[in-house]
Protein backbone atom coordinates (compact mmCIF):
# COMPACT_ATOMS: atom_id res chain seq x y z
CA MET A 1 -24.16 5.74 14.99
CA SER A 2 -22.76 4.04 18.05
CA VAL A 3 -21.58 0.48 18.21
CA ARG A 4 -22.27 -1.69 21.24
CA MET A 5 -20.51 -4.93 22.10
CA PRO A 6 -22.73 -8.02 21.99
CA SER A 7 -24.17 -9.01 25.37
CA ASN A 8 -22.11 -12.23 25.51
CA PHE A 9 -19.03 -10.00 25.90
CA GLY A 10 -20.35 -8.60 29.19
CA ARG A 11 -17.13 -9.11 31.14
CA LEU A 12 -14.52 -6.43 30.74
CA GLY A 13 -11.78 -8.97 29.97
CA ALA A 14 -13.83 -10.51 27.19
CA GLN A 15 -14.47 -7.07 25.68
CA GLU A 16 -10.78 -6.26 25.67
CA SER A 17 -10.03 -9.65 24.14
CA ALA A 18 -12.57 -9.10 21.38
CA LEU A 19 -11.11 -5.66 20.63
CA ASP A 20 -7.62 -7.14 20.54
CA LEU A 21 -8.80 -9.72 18.01
CA LEU A 22 -10.37 -7.00 15.88
CA GLY A 23 -7.22 -4.88 16.09
CA HIS A 24 -5.12 -7.88 15.12
CA GLU A 25 -7.35 -8.58 12.13
CA ILE A 26 -7.17 -4.94 11.01
CA LEU A 27 -3.38 -5.00 11.22
CA ALA A 28 -3.27 -8.25 9.25
CA GLU A 29 -5.44 -6.74 6.51
CA LYS A 30 -3.26 -3.62 6.36
CA ALA A 31 -0.18 -5.81 5.94
CA ALA A 32 -1.88 -7.91 3.26
CA ALA A 33 -2.99 -4.78 1.38
CA LEU A 34 0.54 -3.40 1.57
CA GLY A 35 1.88 -6.65 0.14
CA ARG A 36 -0.63 -6.57 -2.73
CA ALA A 37 0.25 -2.95 -3.48
CA GLY A 38 3.96 -3.82 -3.49
CA GLN A 39 3.33 -6.70 -5.87
CA ARG A 40 1.47 -4.37 -8.22
CA VAL A 41 4.42 -1.95 -8.14
CA GLU A 42 6.81 -4.78 -9.03
CA GLU A 43 4.60 -5.92 -11.91
CA THR A 44 4.08 -2.47 -13.43
CA LEU A 45 7.77 -1.55 -13.12
CA ALA A 46 8.76 -4.84 -14.77
CA LYS A 47 6.43 -4.11 -17.69
CA LEU A 48 7.85 -0.59 -17.94
CA ARG A 49 11.42 -1.90 -18.02
CA GLU A 50 10.60 -4.58 -20.61
CA ASN A 51 8.44 -2.52 -22.95
CA GLY A 52 9.12 1.06 -21.84
CA GLU A 53 10.48 2.28 -25.13
CA GLY A 54 8.20 3.24 -27.95
CA GLU A 55 4.55 3.99 -28.35
CA HIS A 56 3.37 2.35 -25.11
CA ARG A 57 5.74 4.30 -22.84
CA ASN A 58 3.20 6.90 -21.69
CA ARG A 59 0.60 4.25 -20.84
CA LEU A 60 3.17 2.18 -18.93
CA LEU A 61 4.48 5.25 -17.09
CA LYS A 62 0.94 6.16 -16.06
CA ALA A 63 0.23 2.63 -14.81
CA ALA A 64 3.51 2.53 -12.87
CA ALA A 65 2.88 5.96 -11.35
CA GLU A 66 -0.62 4.90 -10.23
CA ALA A 67 0.75 1.72 -8.67
CA VAL A 68 3.56 3.57 -6.86
CA HIS A 69 1.14 6.25 -5.66
CA GLY A 70 -1.21 3.60 -4.25
CA TYR A 71 1.72 1.85 -2.59
CA PHE A 72 2.92 5.07 -0.97
CA ILE A 73 -0.57 5.77 0.33
CA GLN A 74 -0.85 2.26 1.77
CA ARG A 75 2.56 2.64 3.44
CA GLU A 76 1.45 5.91 5.02
CA LEU A 77 -1.74 4.27 6.30
CA CYS A 78 0.53 1.72 8.01
CA GLY A 79 2.52 4.55 9.61
CA LEU A 80 5.51 4.33 7.26
CA ARG A 81 6.11 7.92 6.18
CA LYS A 82 9.55 7.83 4.54
CA HIS A 83 9.78 6.31 1.08
CA ASP A 84 13.47 6.77 0.26
CA ALA A 85 14.46 3.18 0.97
CA VAL A 86 11.51 1.84 -1.02
CA ILE A 87 12.39 4.04 -3.99
CA ARG A 88 15.91 2.62 -3.94
CA GLU A 89 14.81 -0.98 -3.37
CA TYR A 90 12.25 -1.02 -6.17
CA ASN A 91 14.55 1.14 -8.30
CA ILE A 92 11.63 3.39 -9.21
CA PRO A 93 12.58 5.44 -12.28
CA ARG A 94 12.74 9.20 -12.03
CA ALA A 95 10.12 9.49 -14.81
CA VAL A 96 7.62 7.70 -12.53
CA LEU A 97 8.47 9.85 -9.51
CA VAL A 98 8.11 13.03 -11.55
CA ARG A 99 4.56 11.99 -12.41
CA LEU A 100 3.89 11.82 -8.67
CA GLY A 101 5.13 15.35 -8.20
CA ALA A 102 8.53 14.40 -6.75
CA SER A 103 11.61 16.10 -8.03
């Protein structure tokens, strides 16, 4: 399926302007999604630290690993490939990273 610009964007400058607006909106949504994913990581890691001992540990580890995995994917979609600084900043436990396949 091909997409065609509306006829009211007939001038080349207007087309470029419309594409710039779309690109800007896409970047804003990527940034917002990254922020939401980071917030979820913070929340799940806080729950893990507060209640991480005992019978709920496996459930909390799984939730934290899923949140971290989603955050890493969102970072990579934004072009951020290295996660070392994020791991240190969020103080992501080794038990969570092991569930992601990191050693």
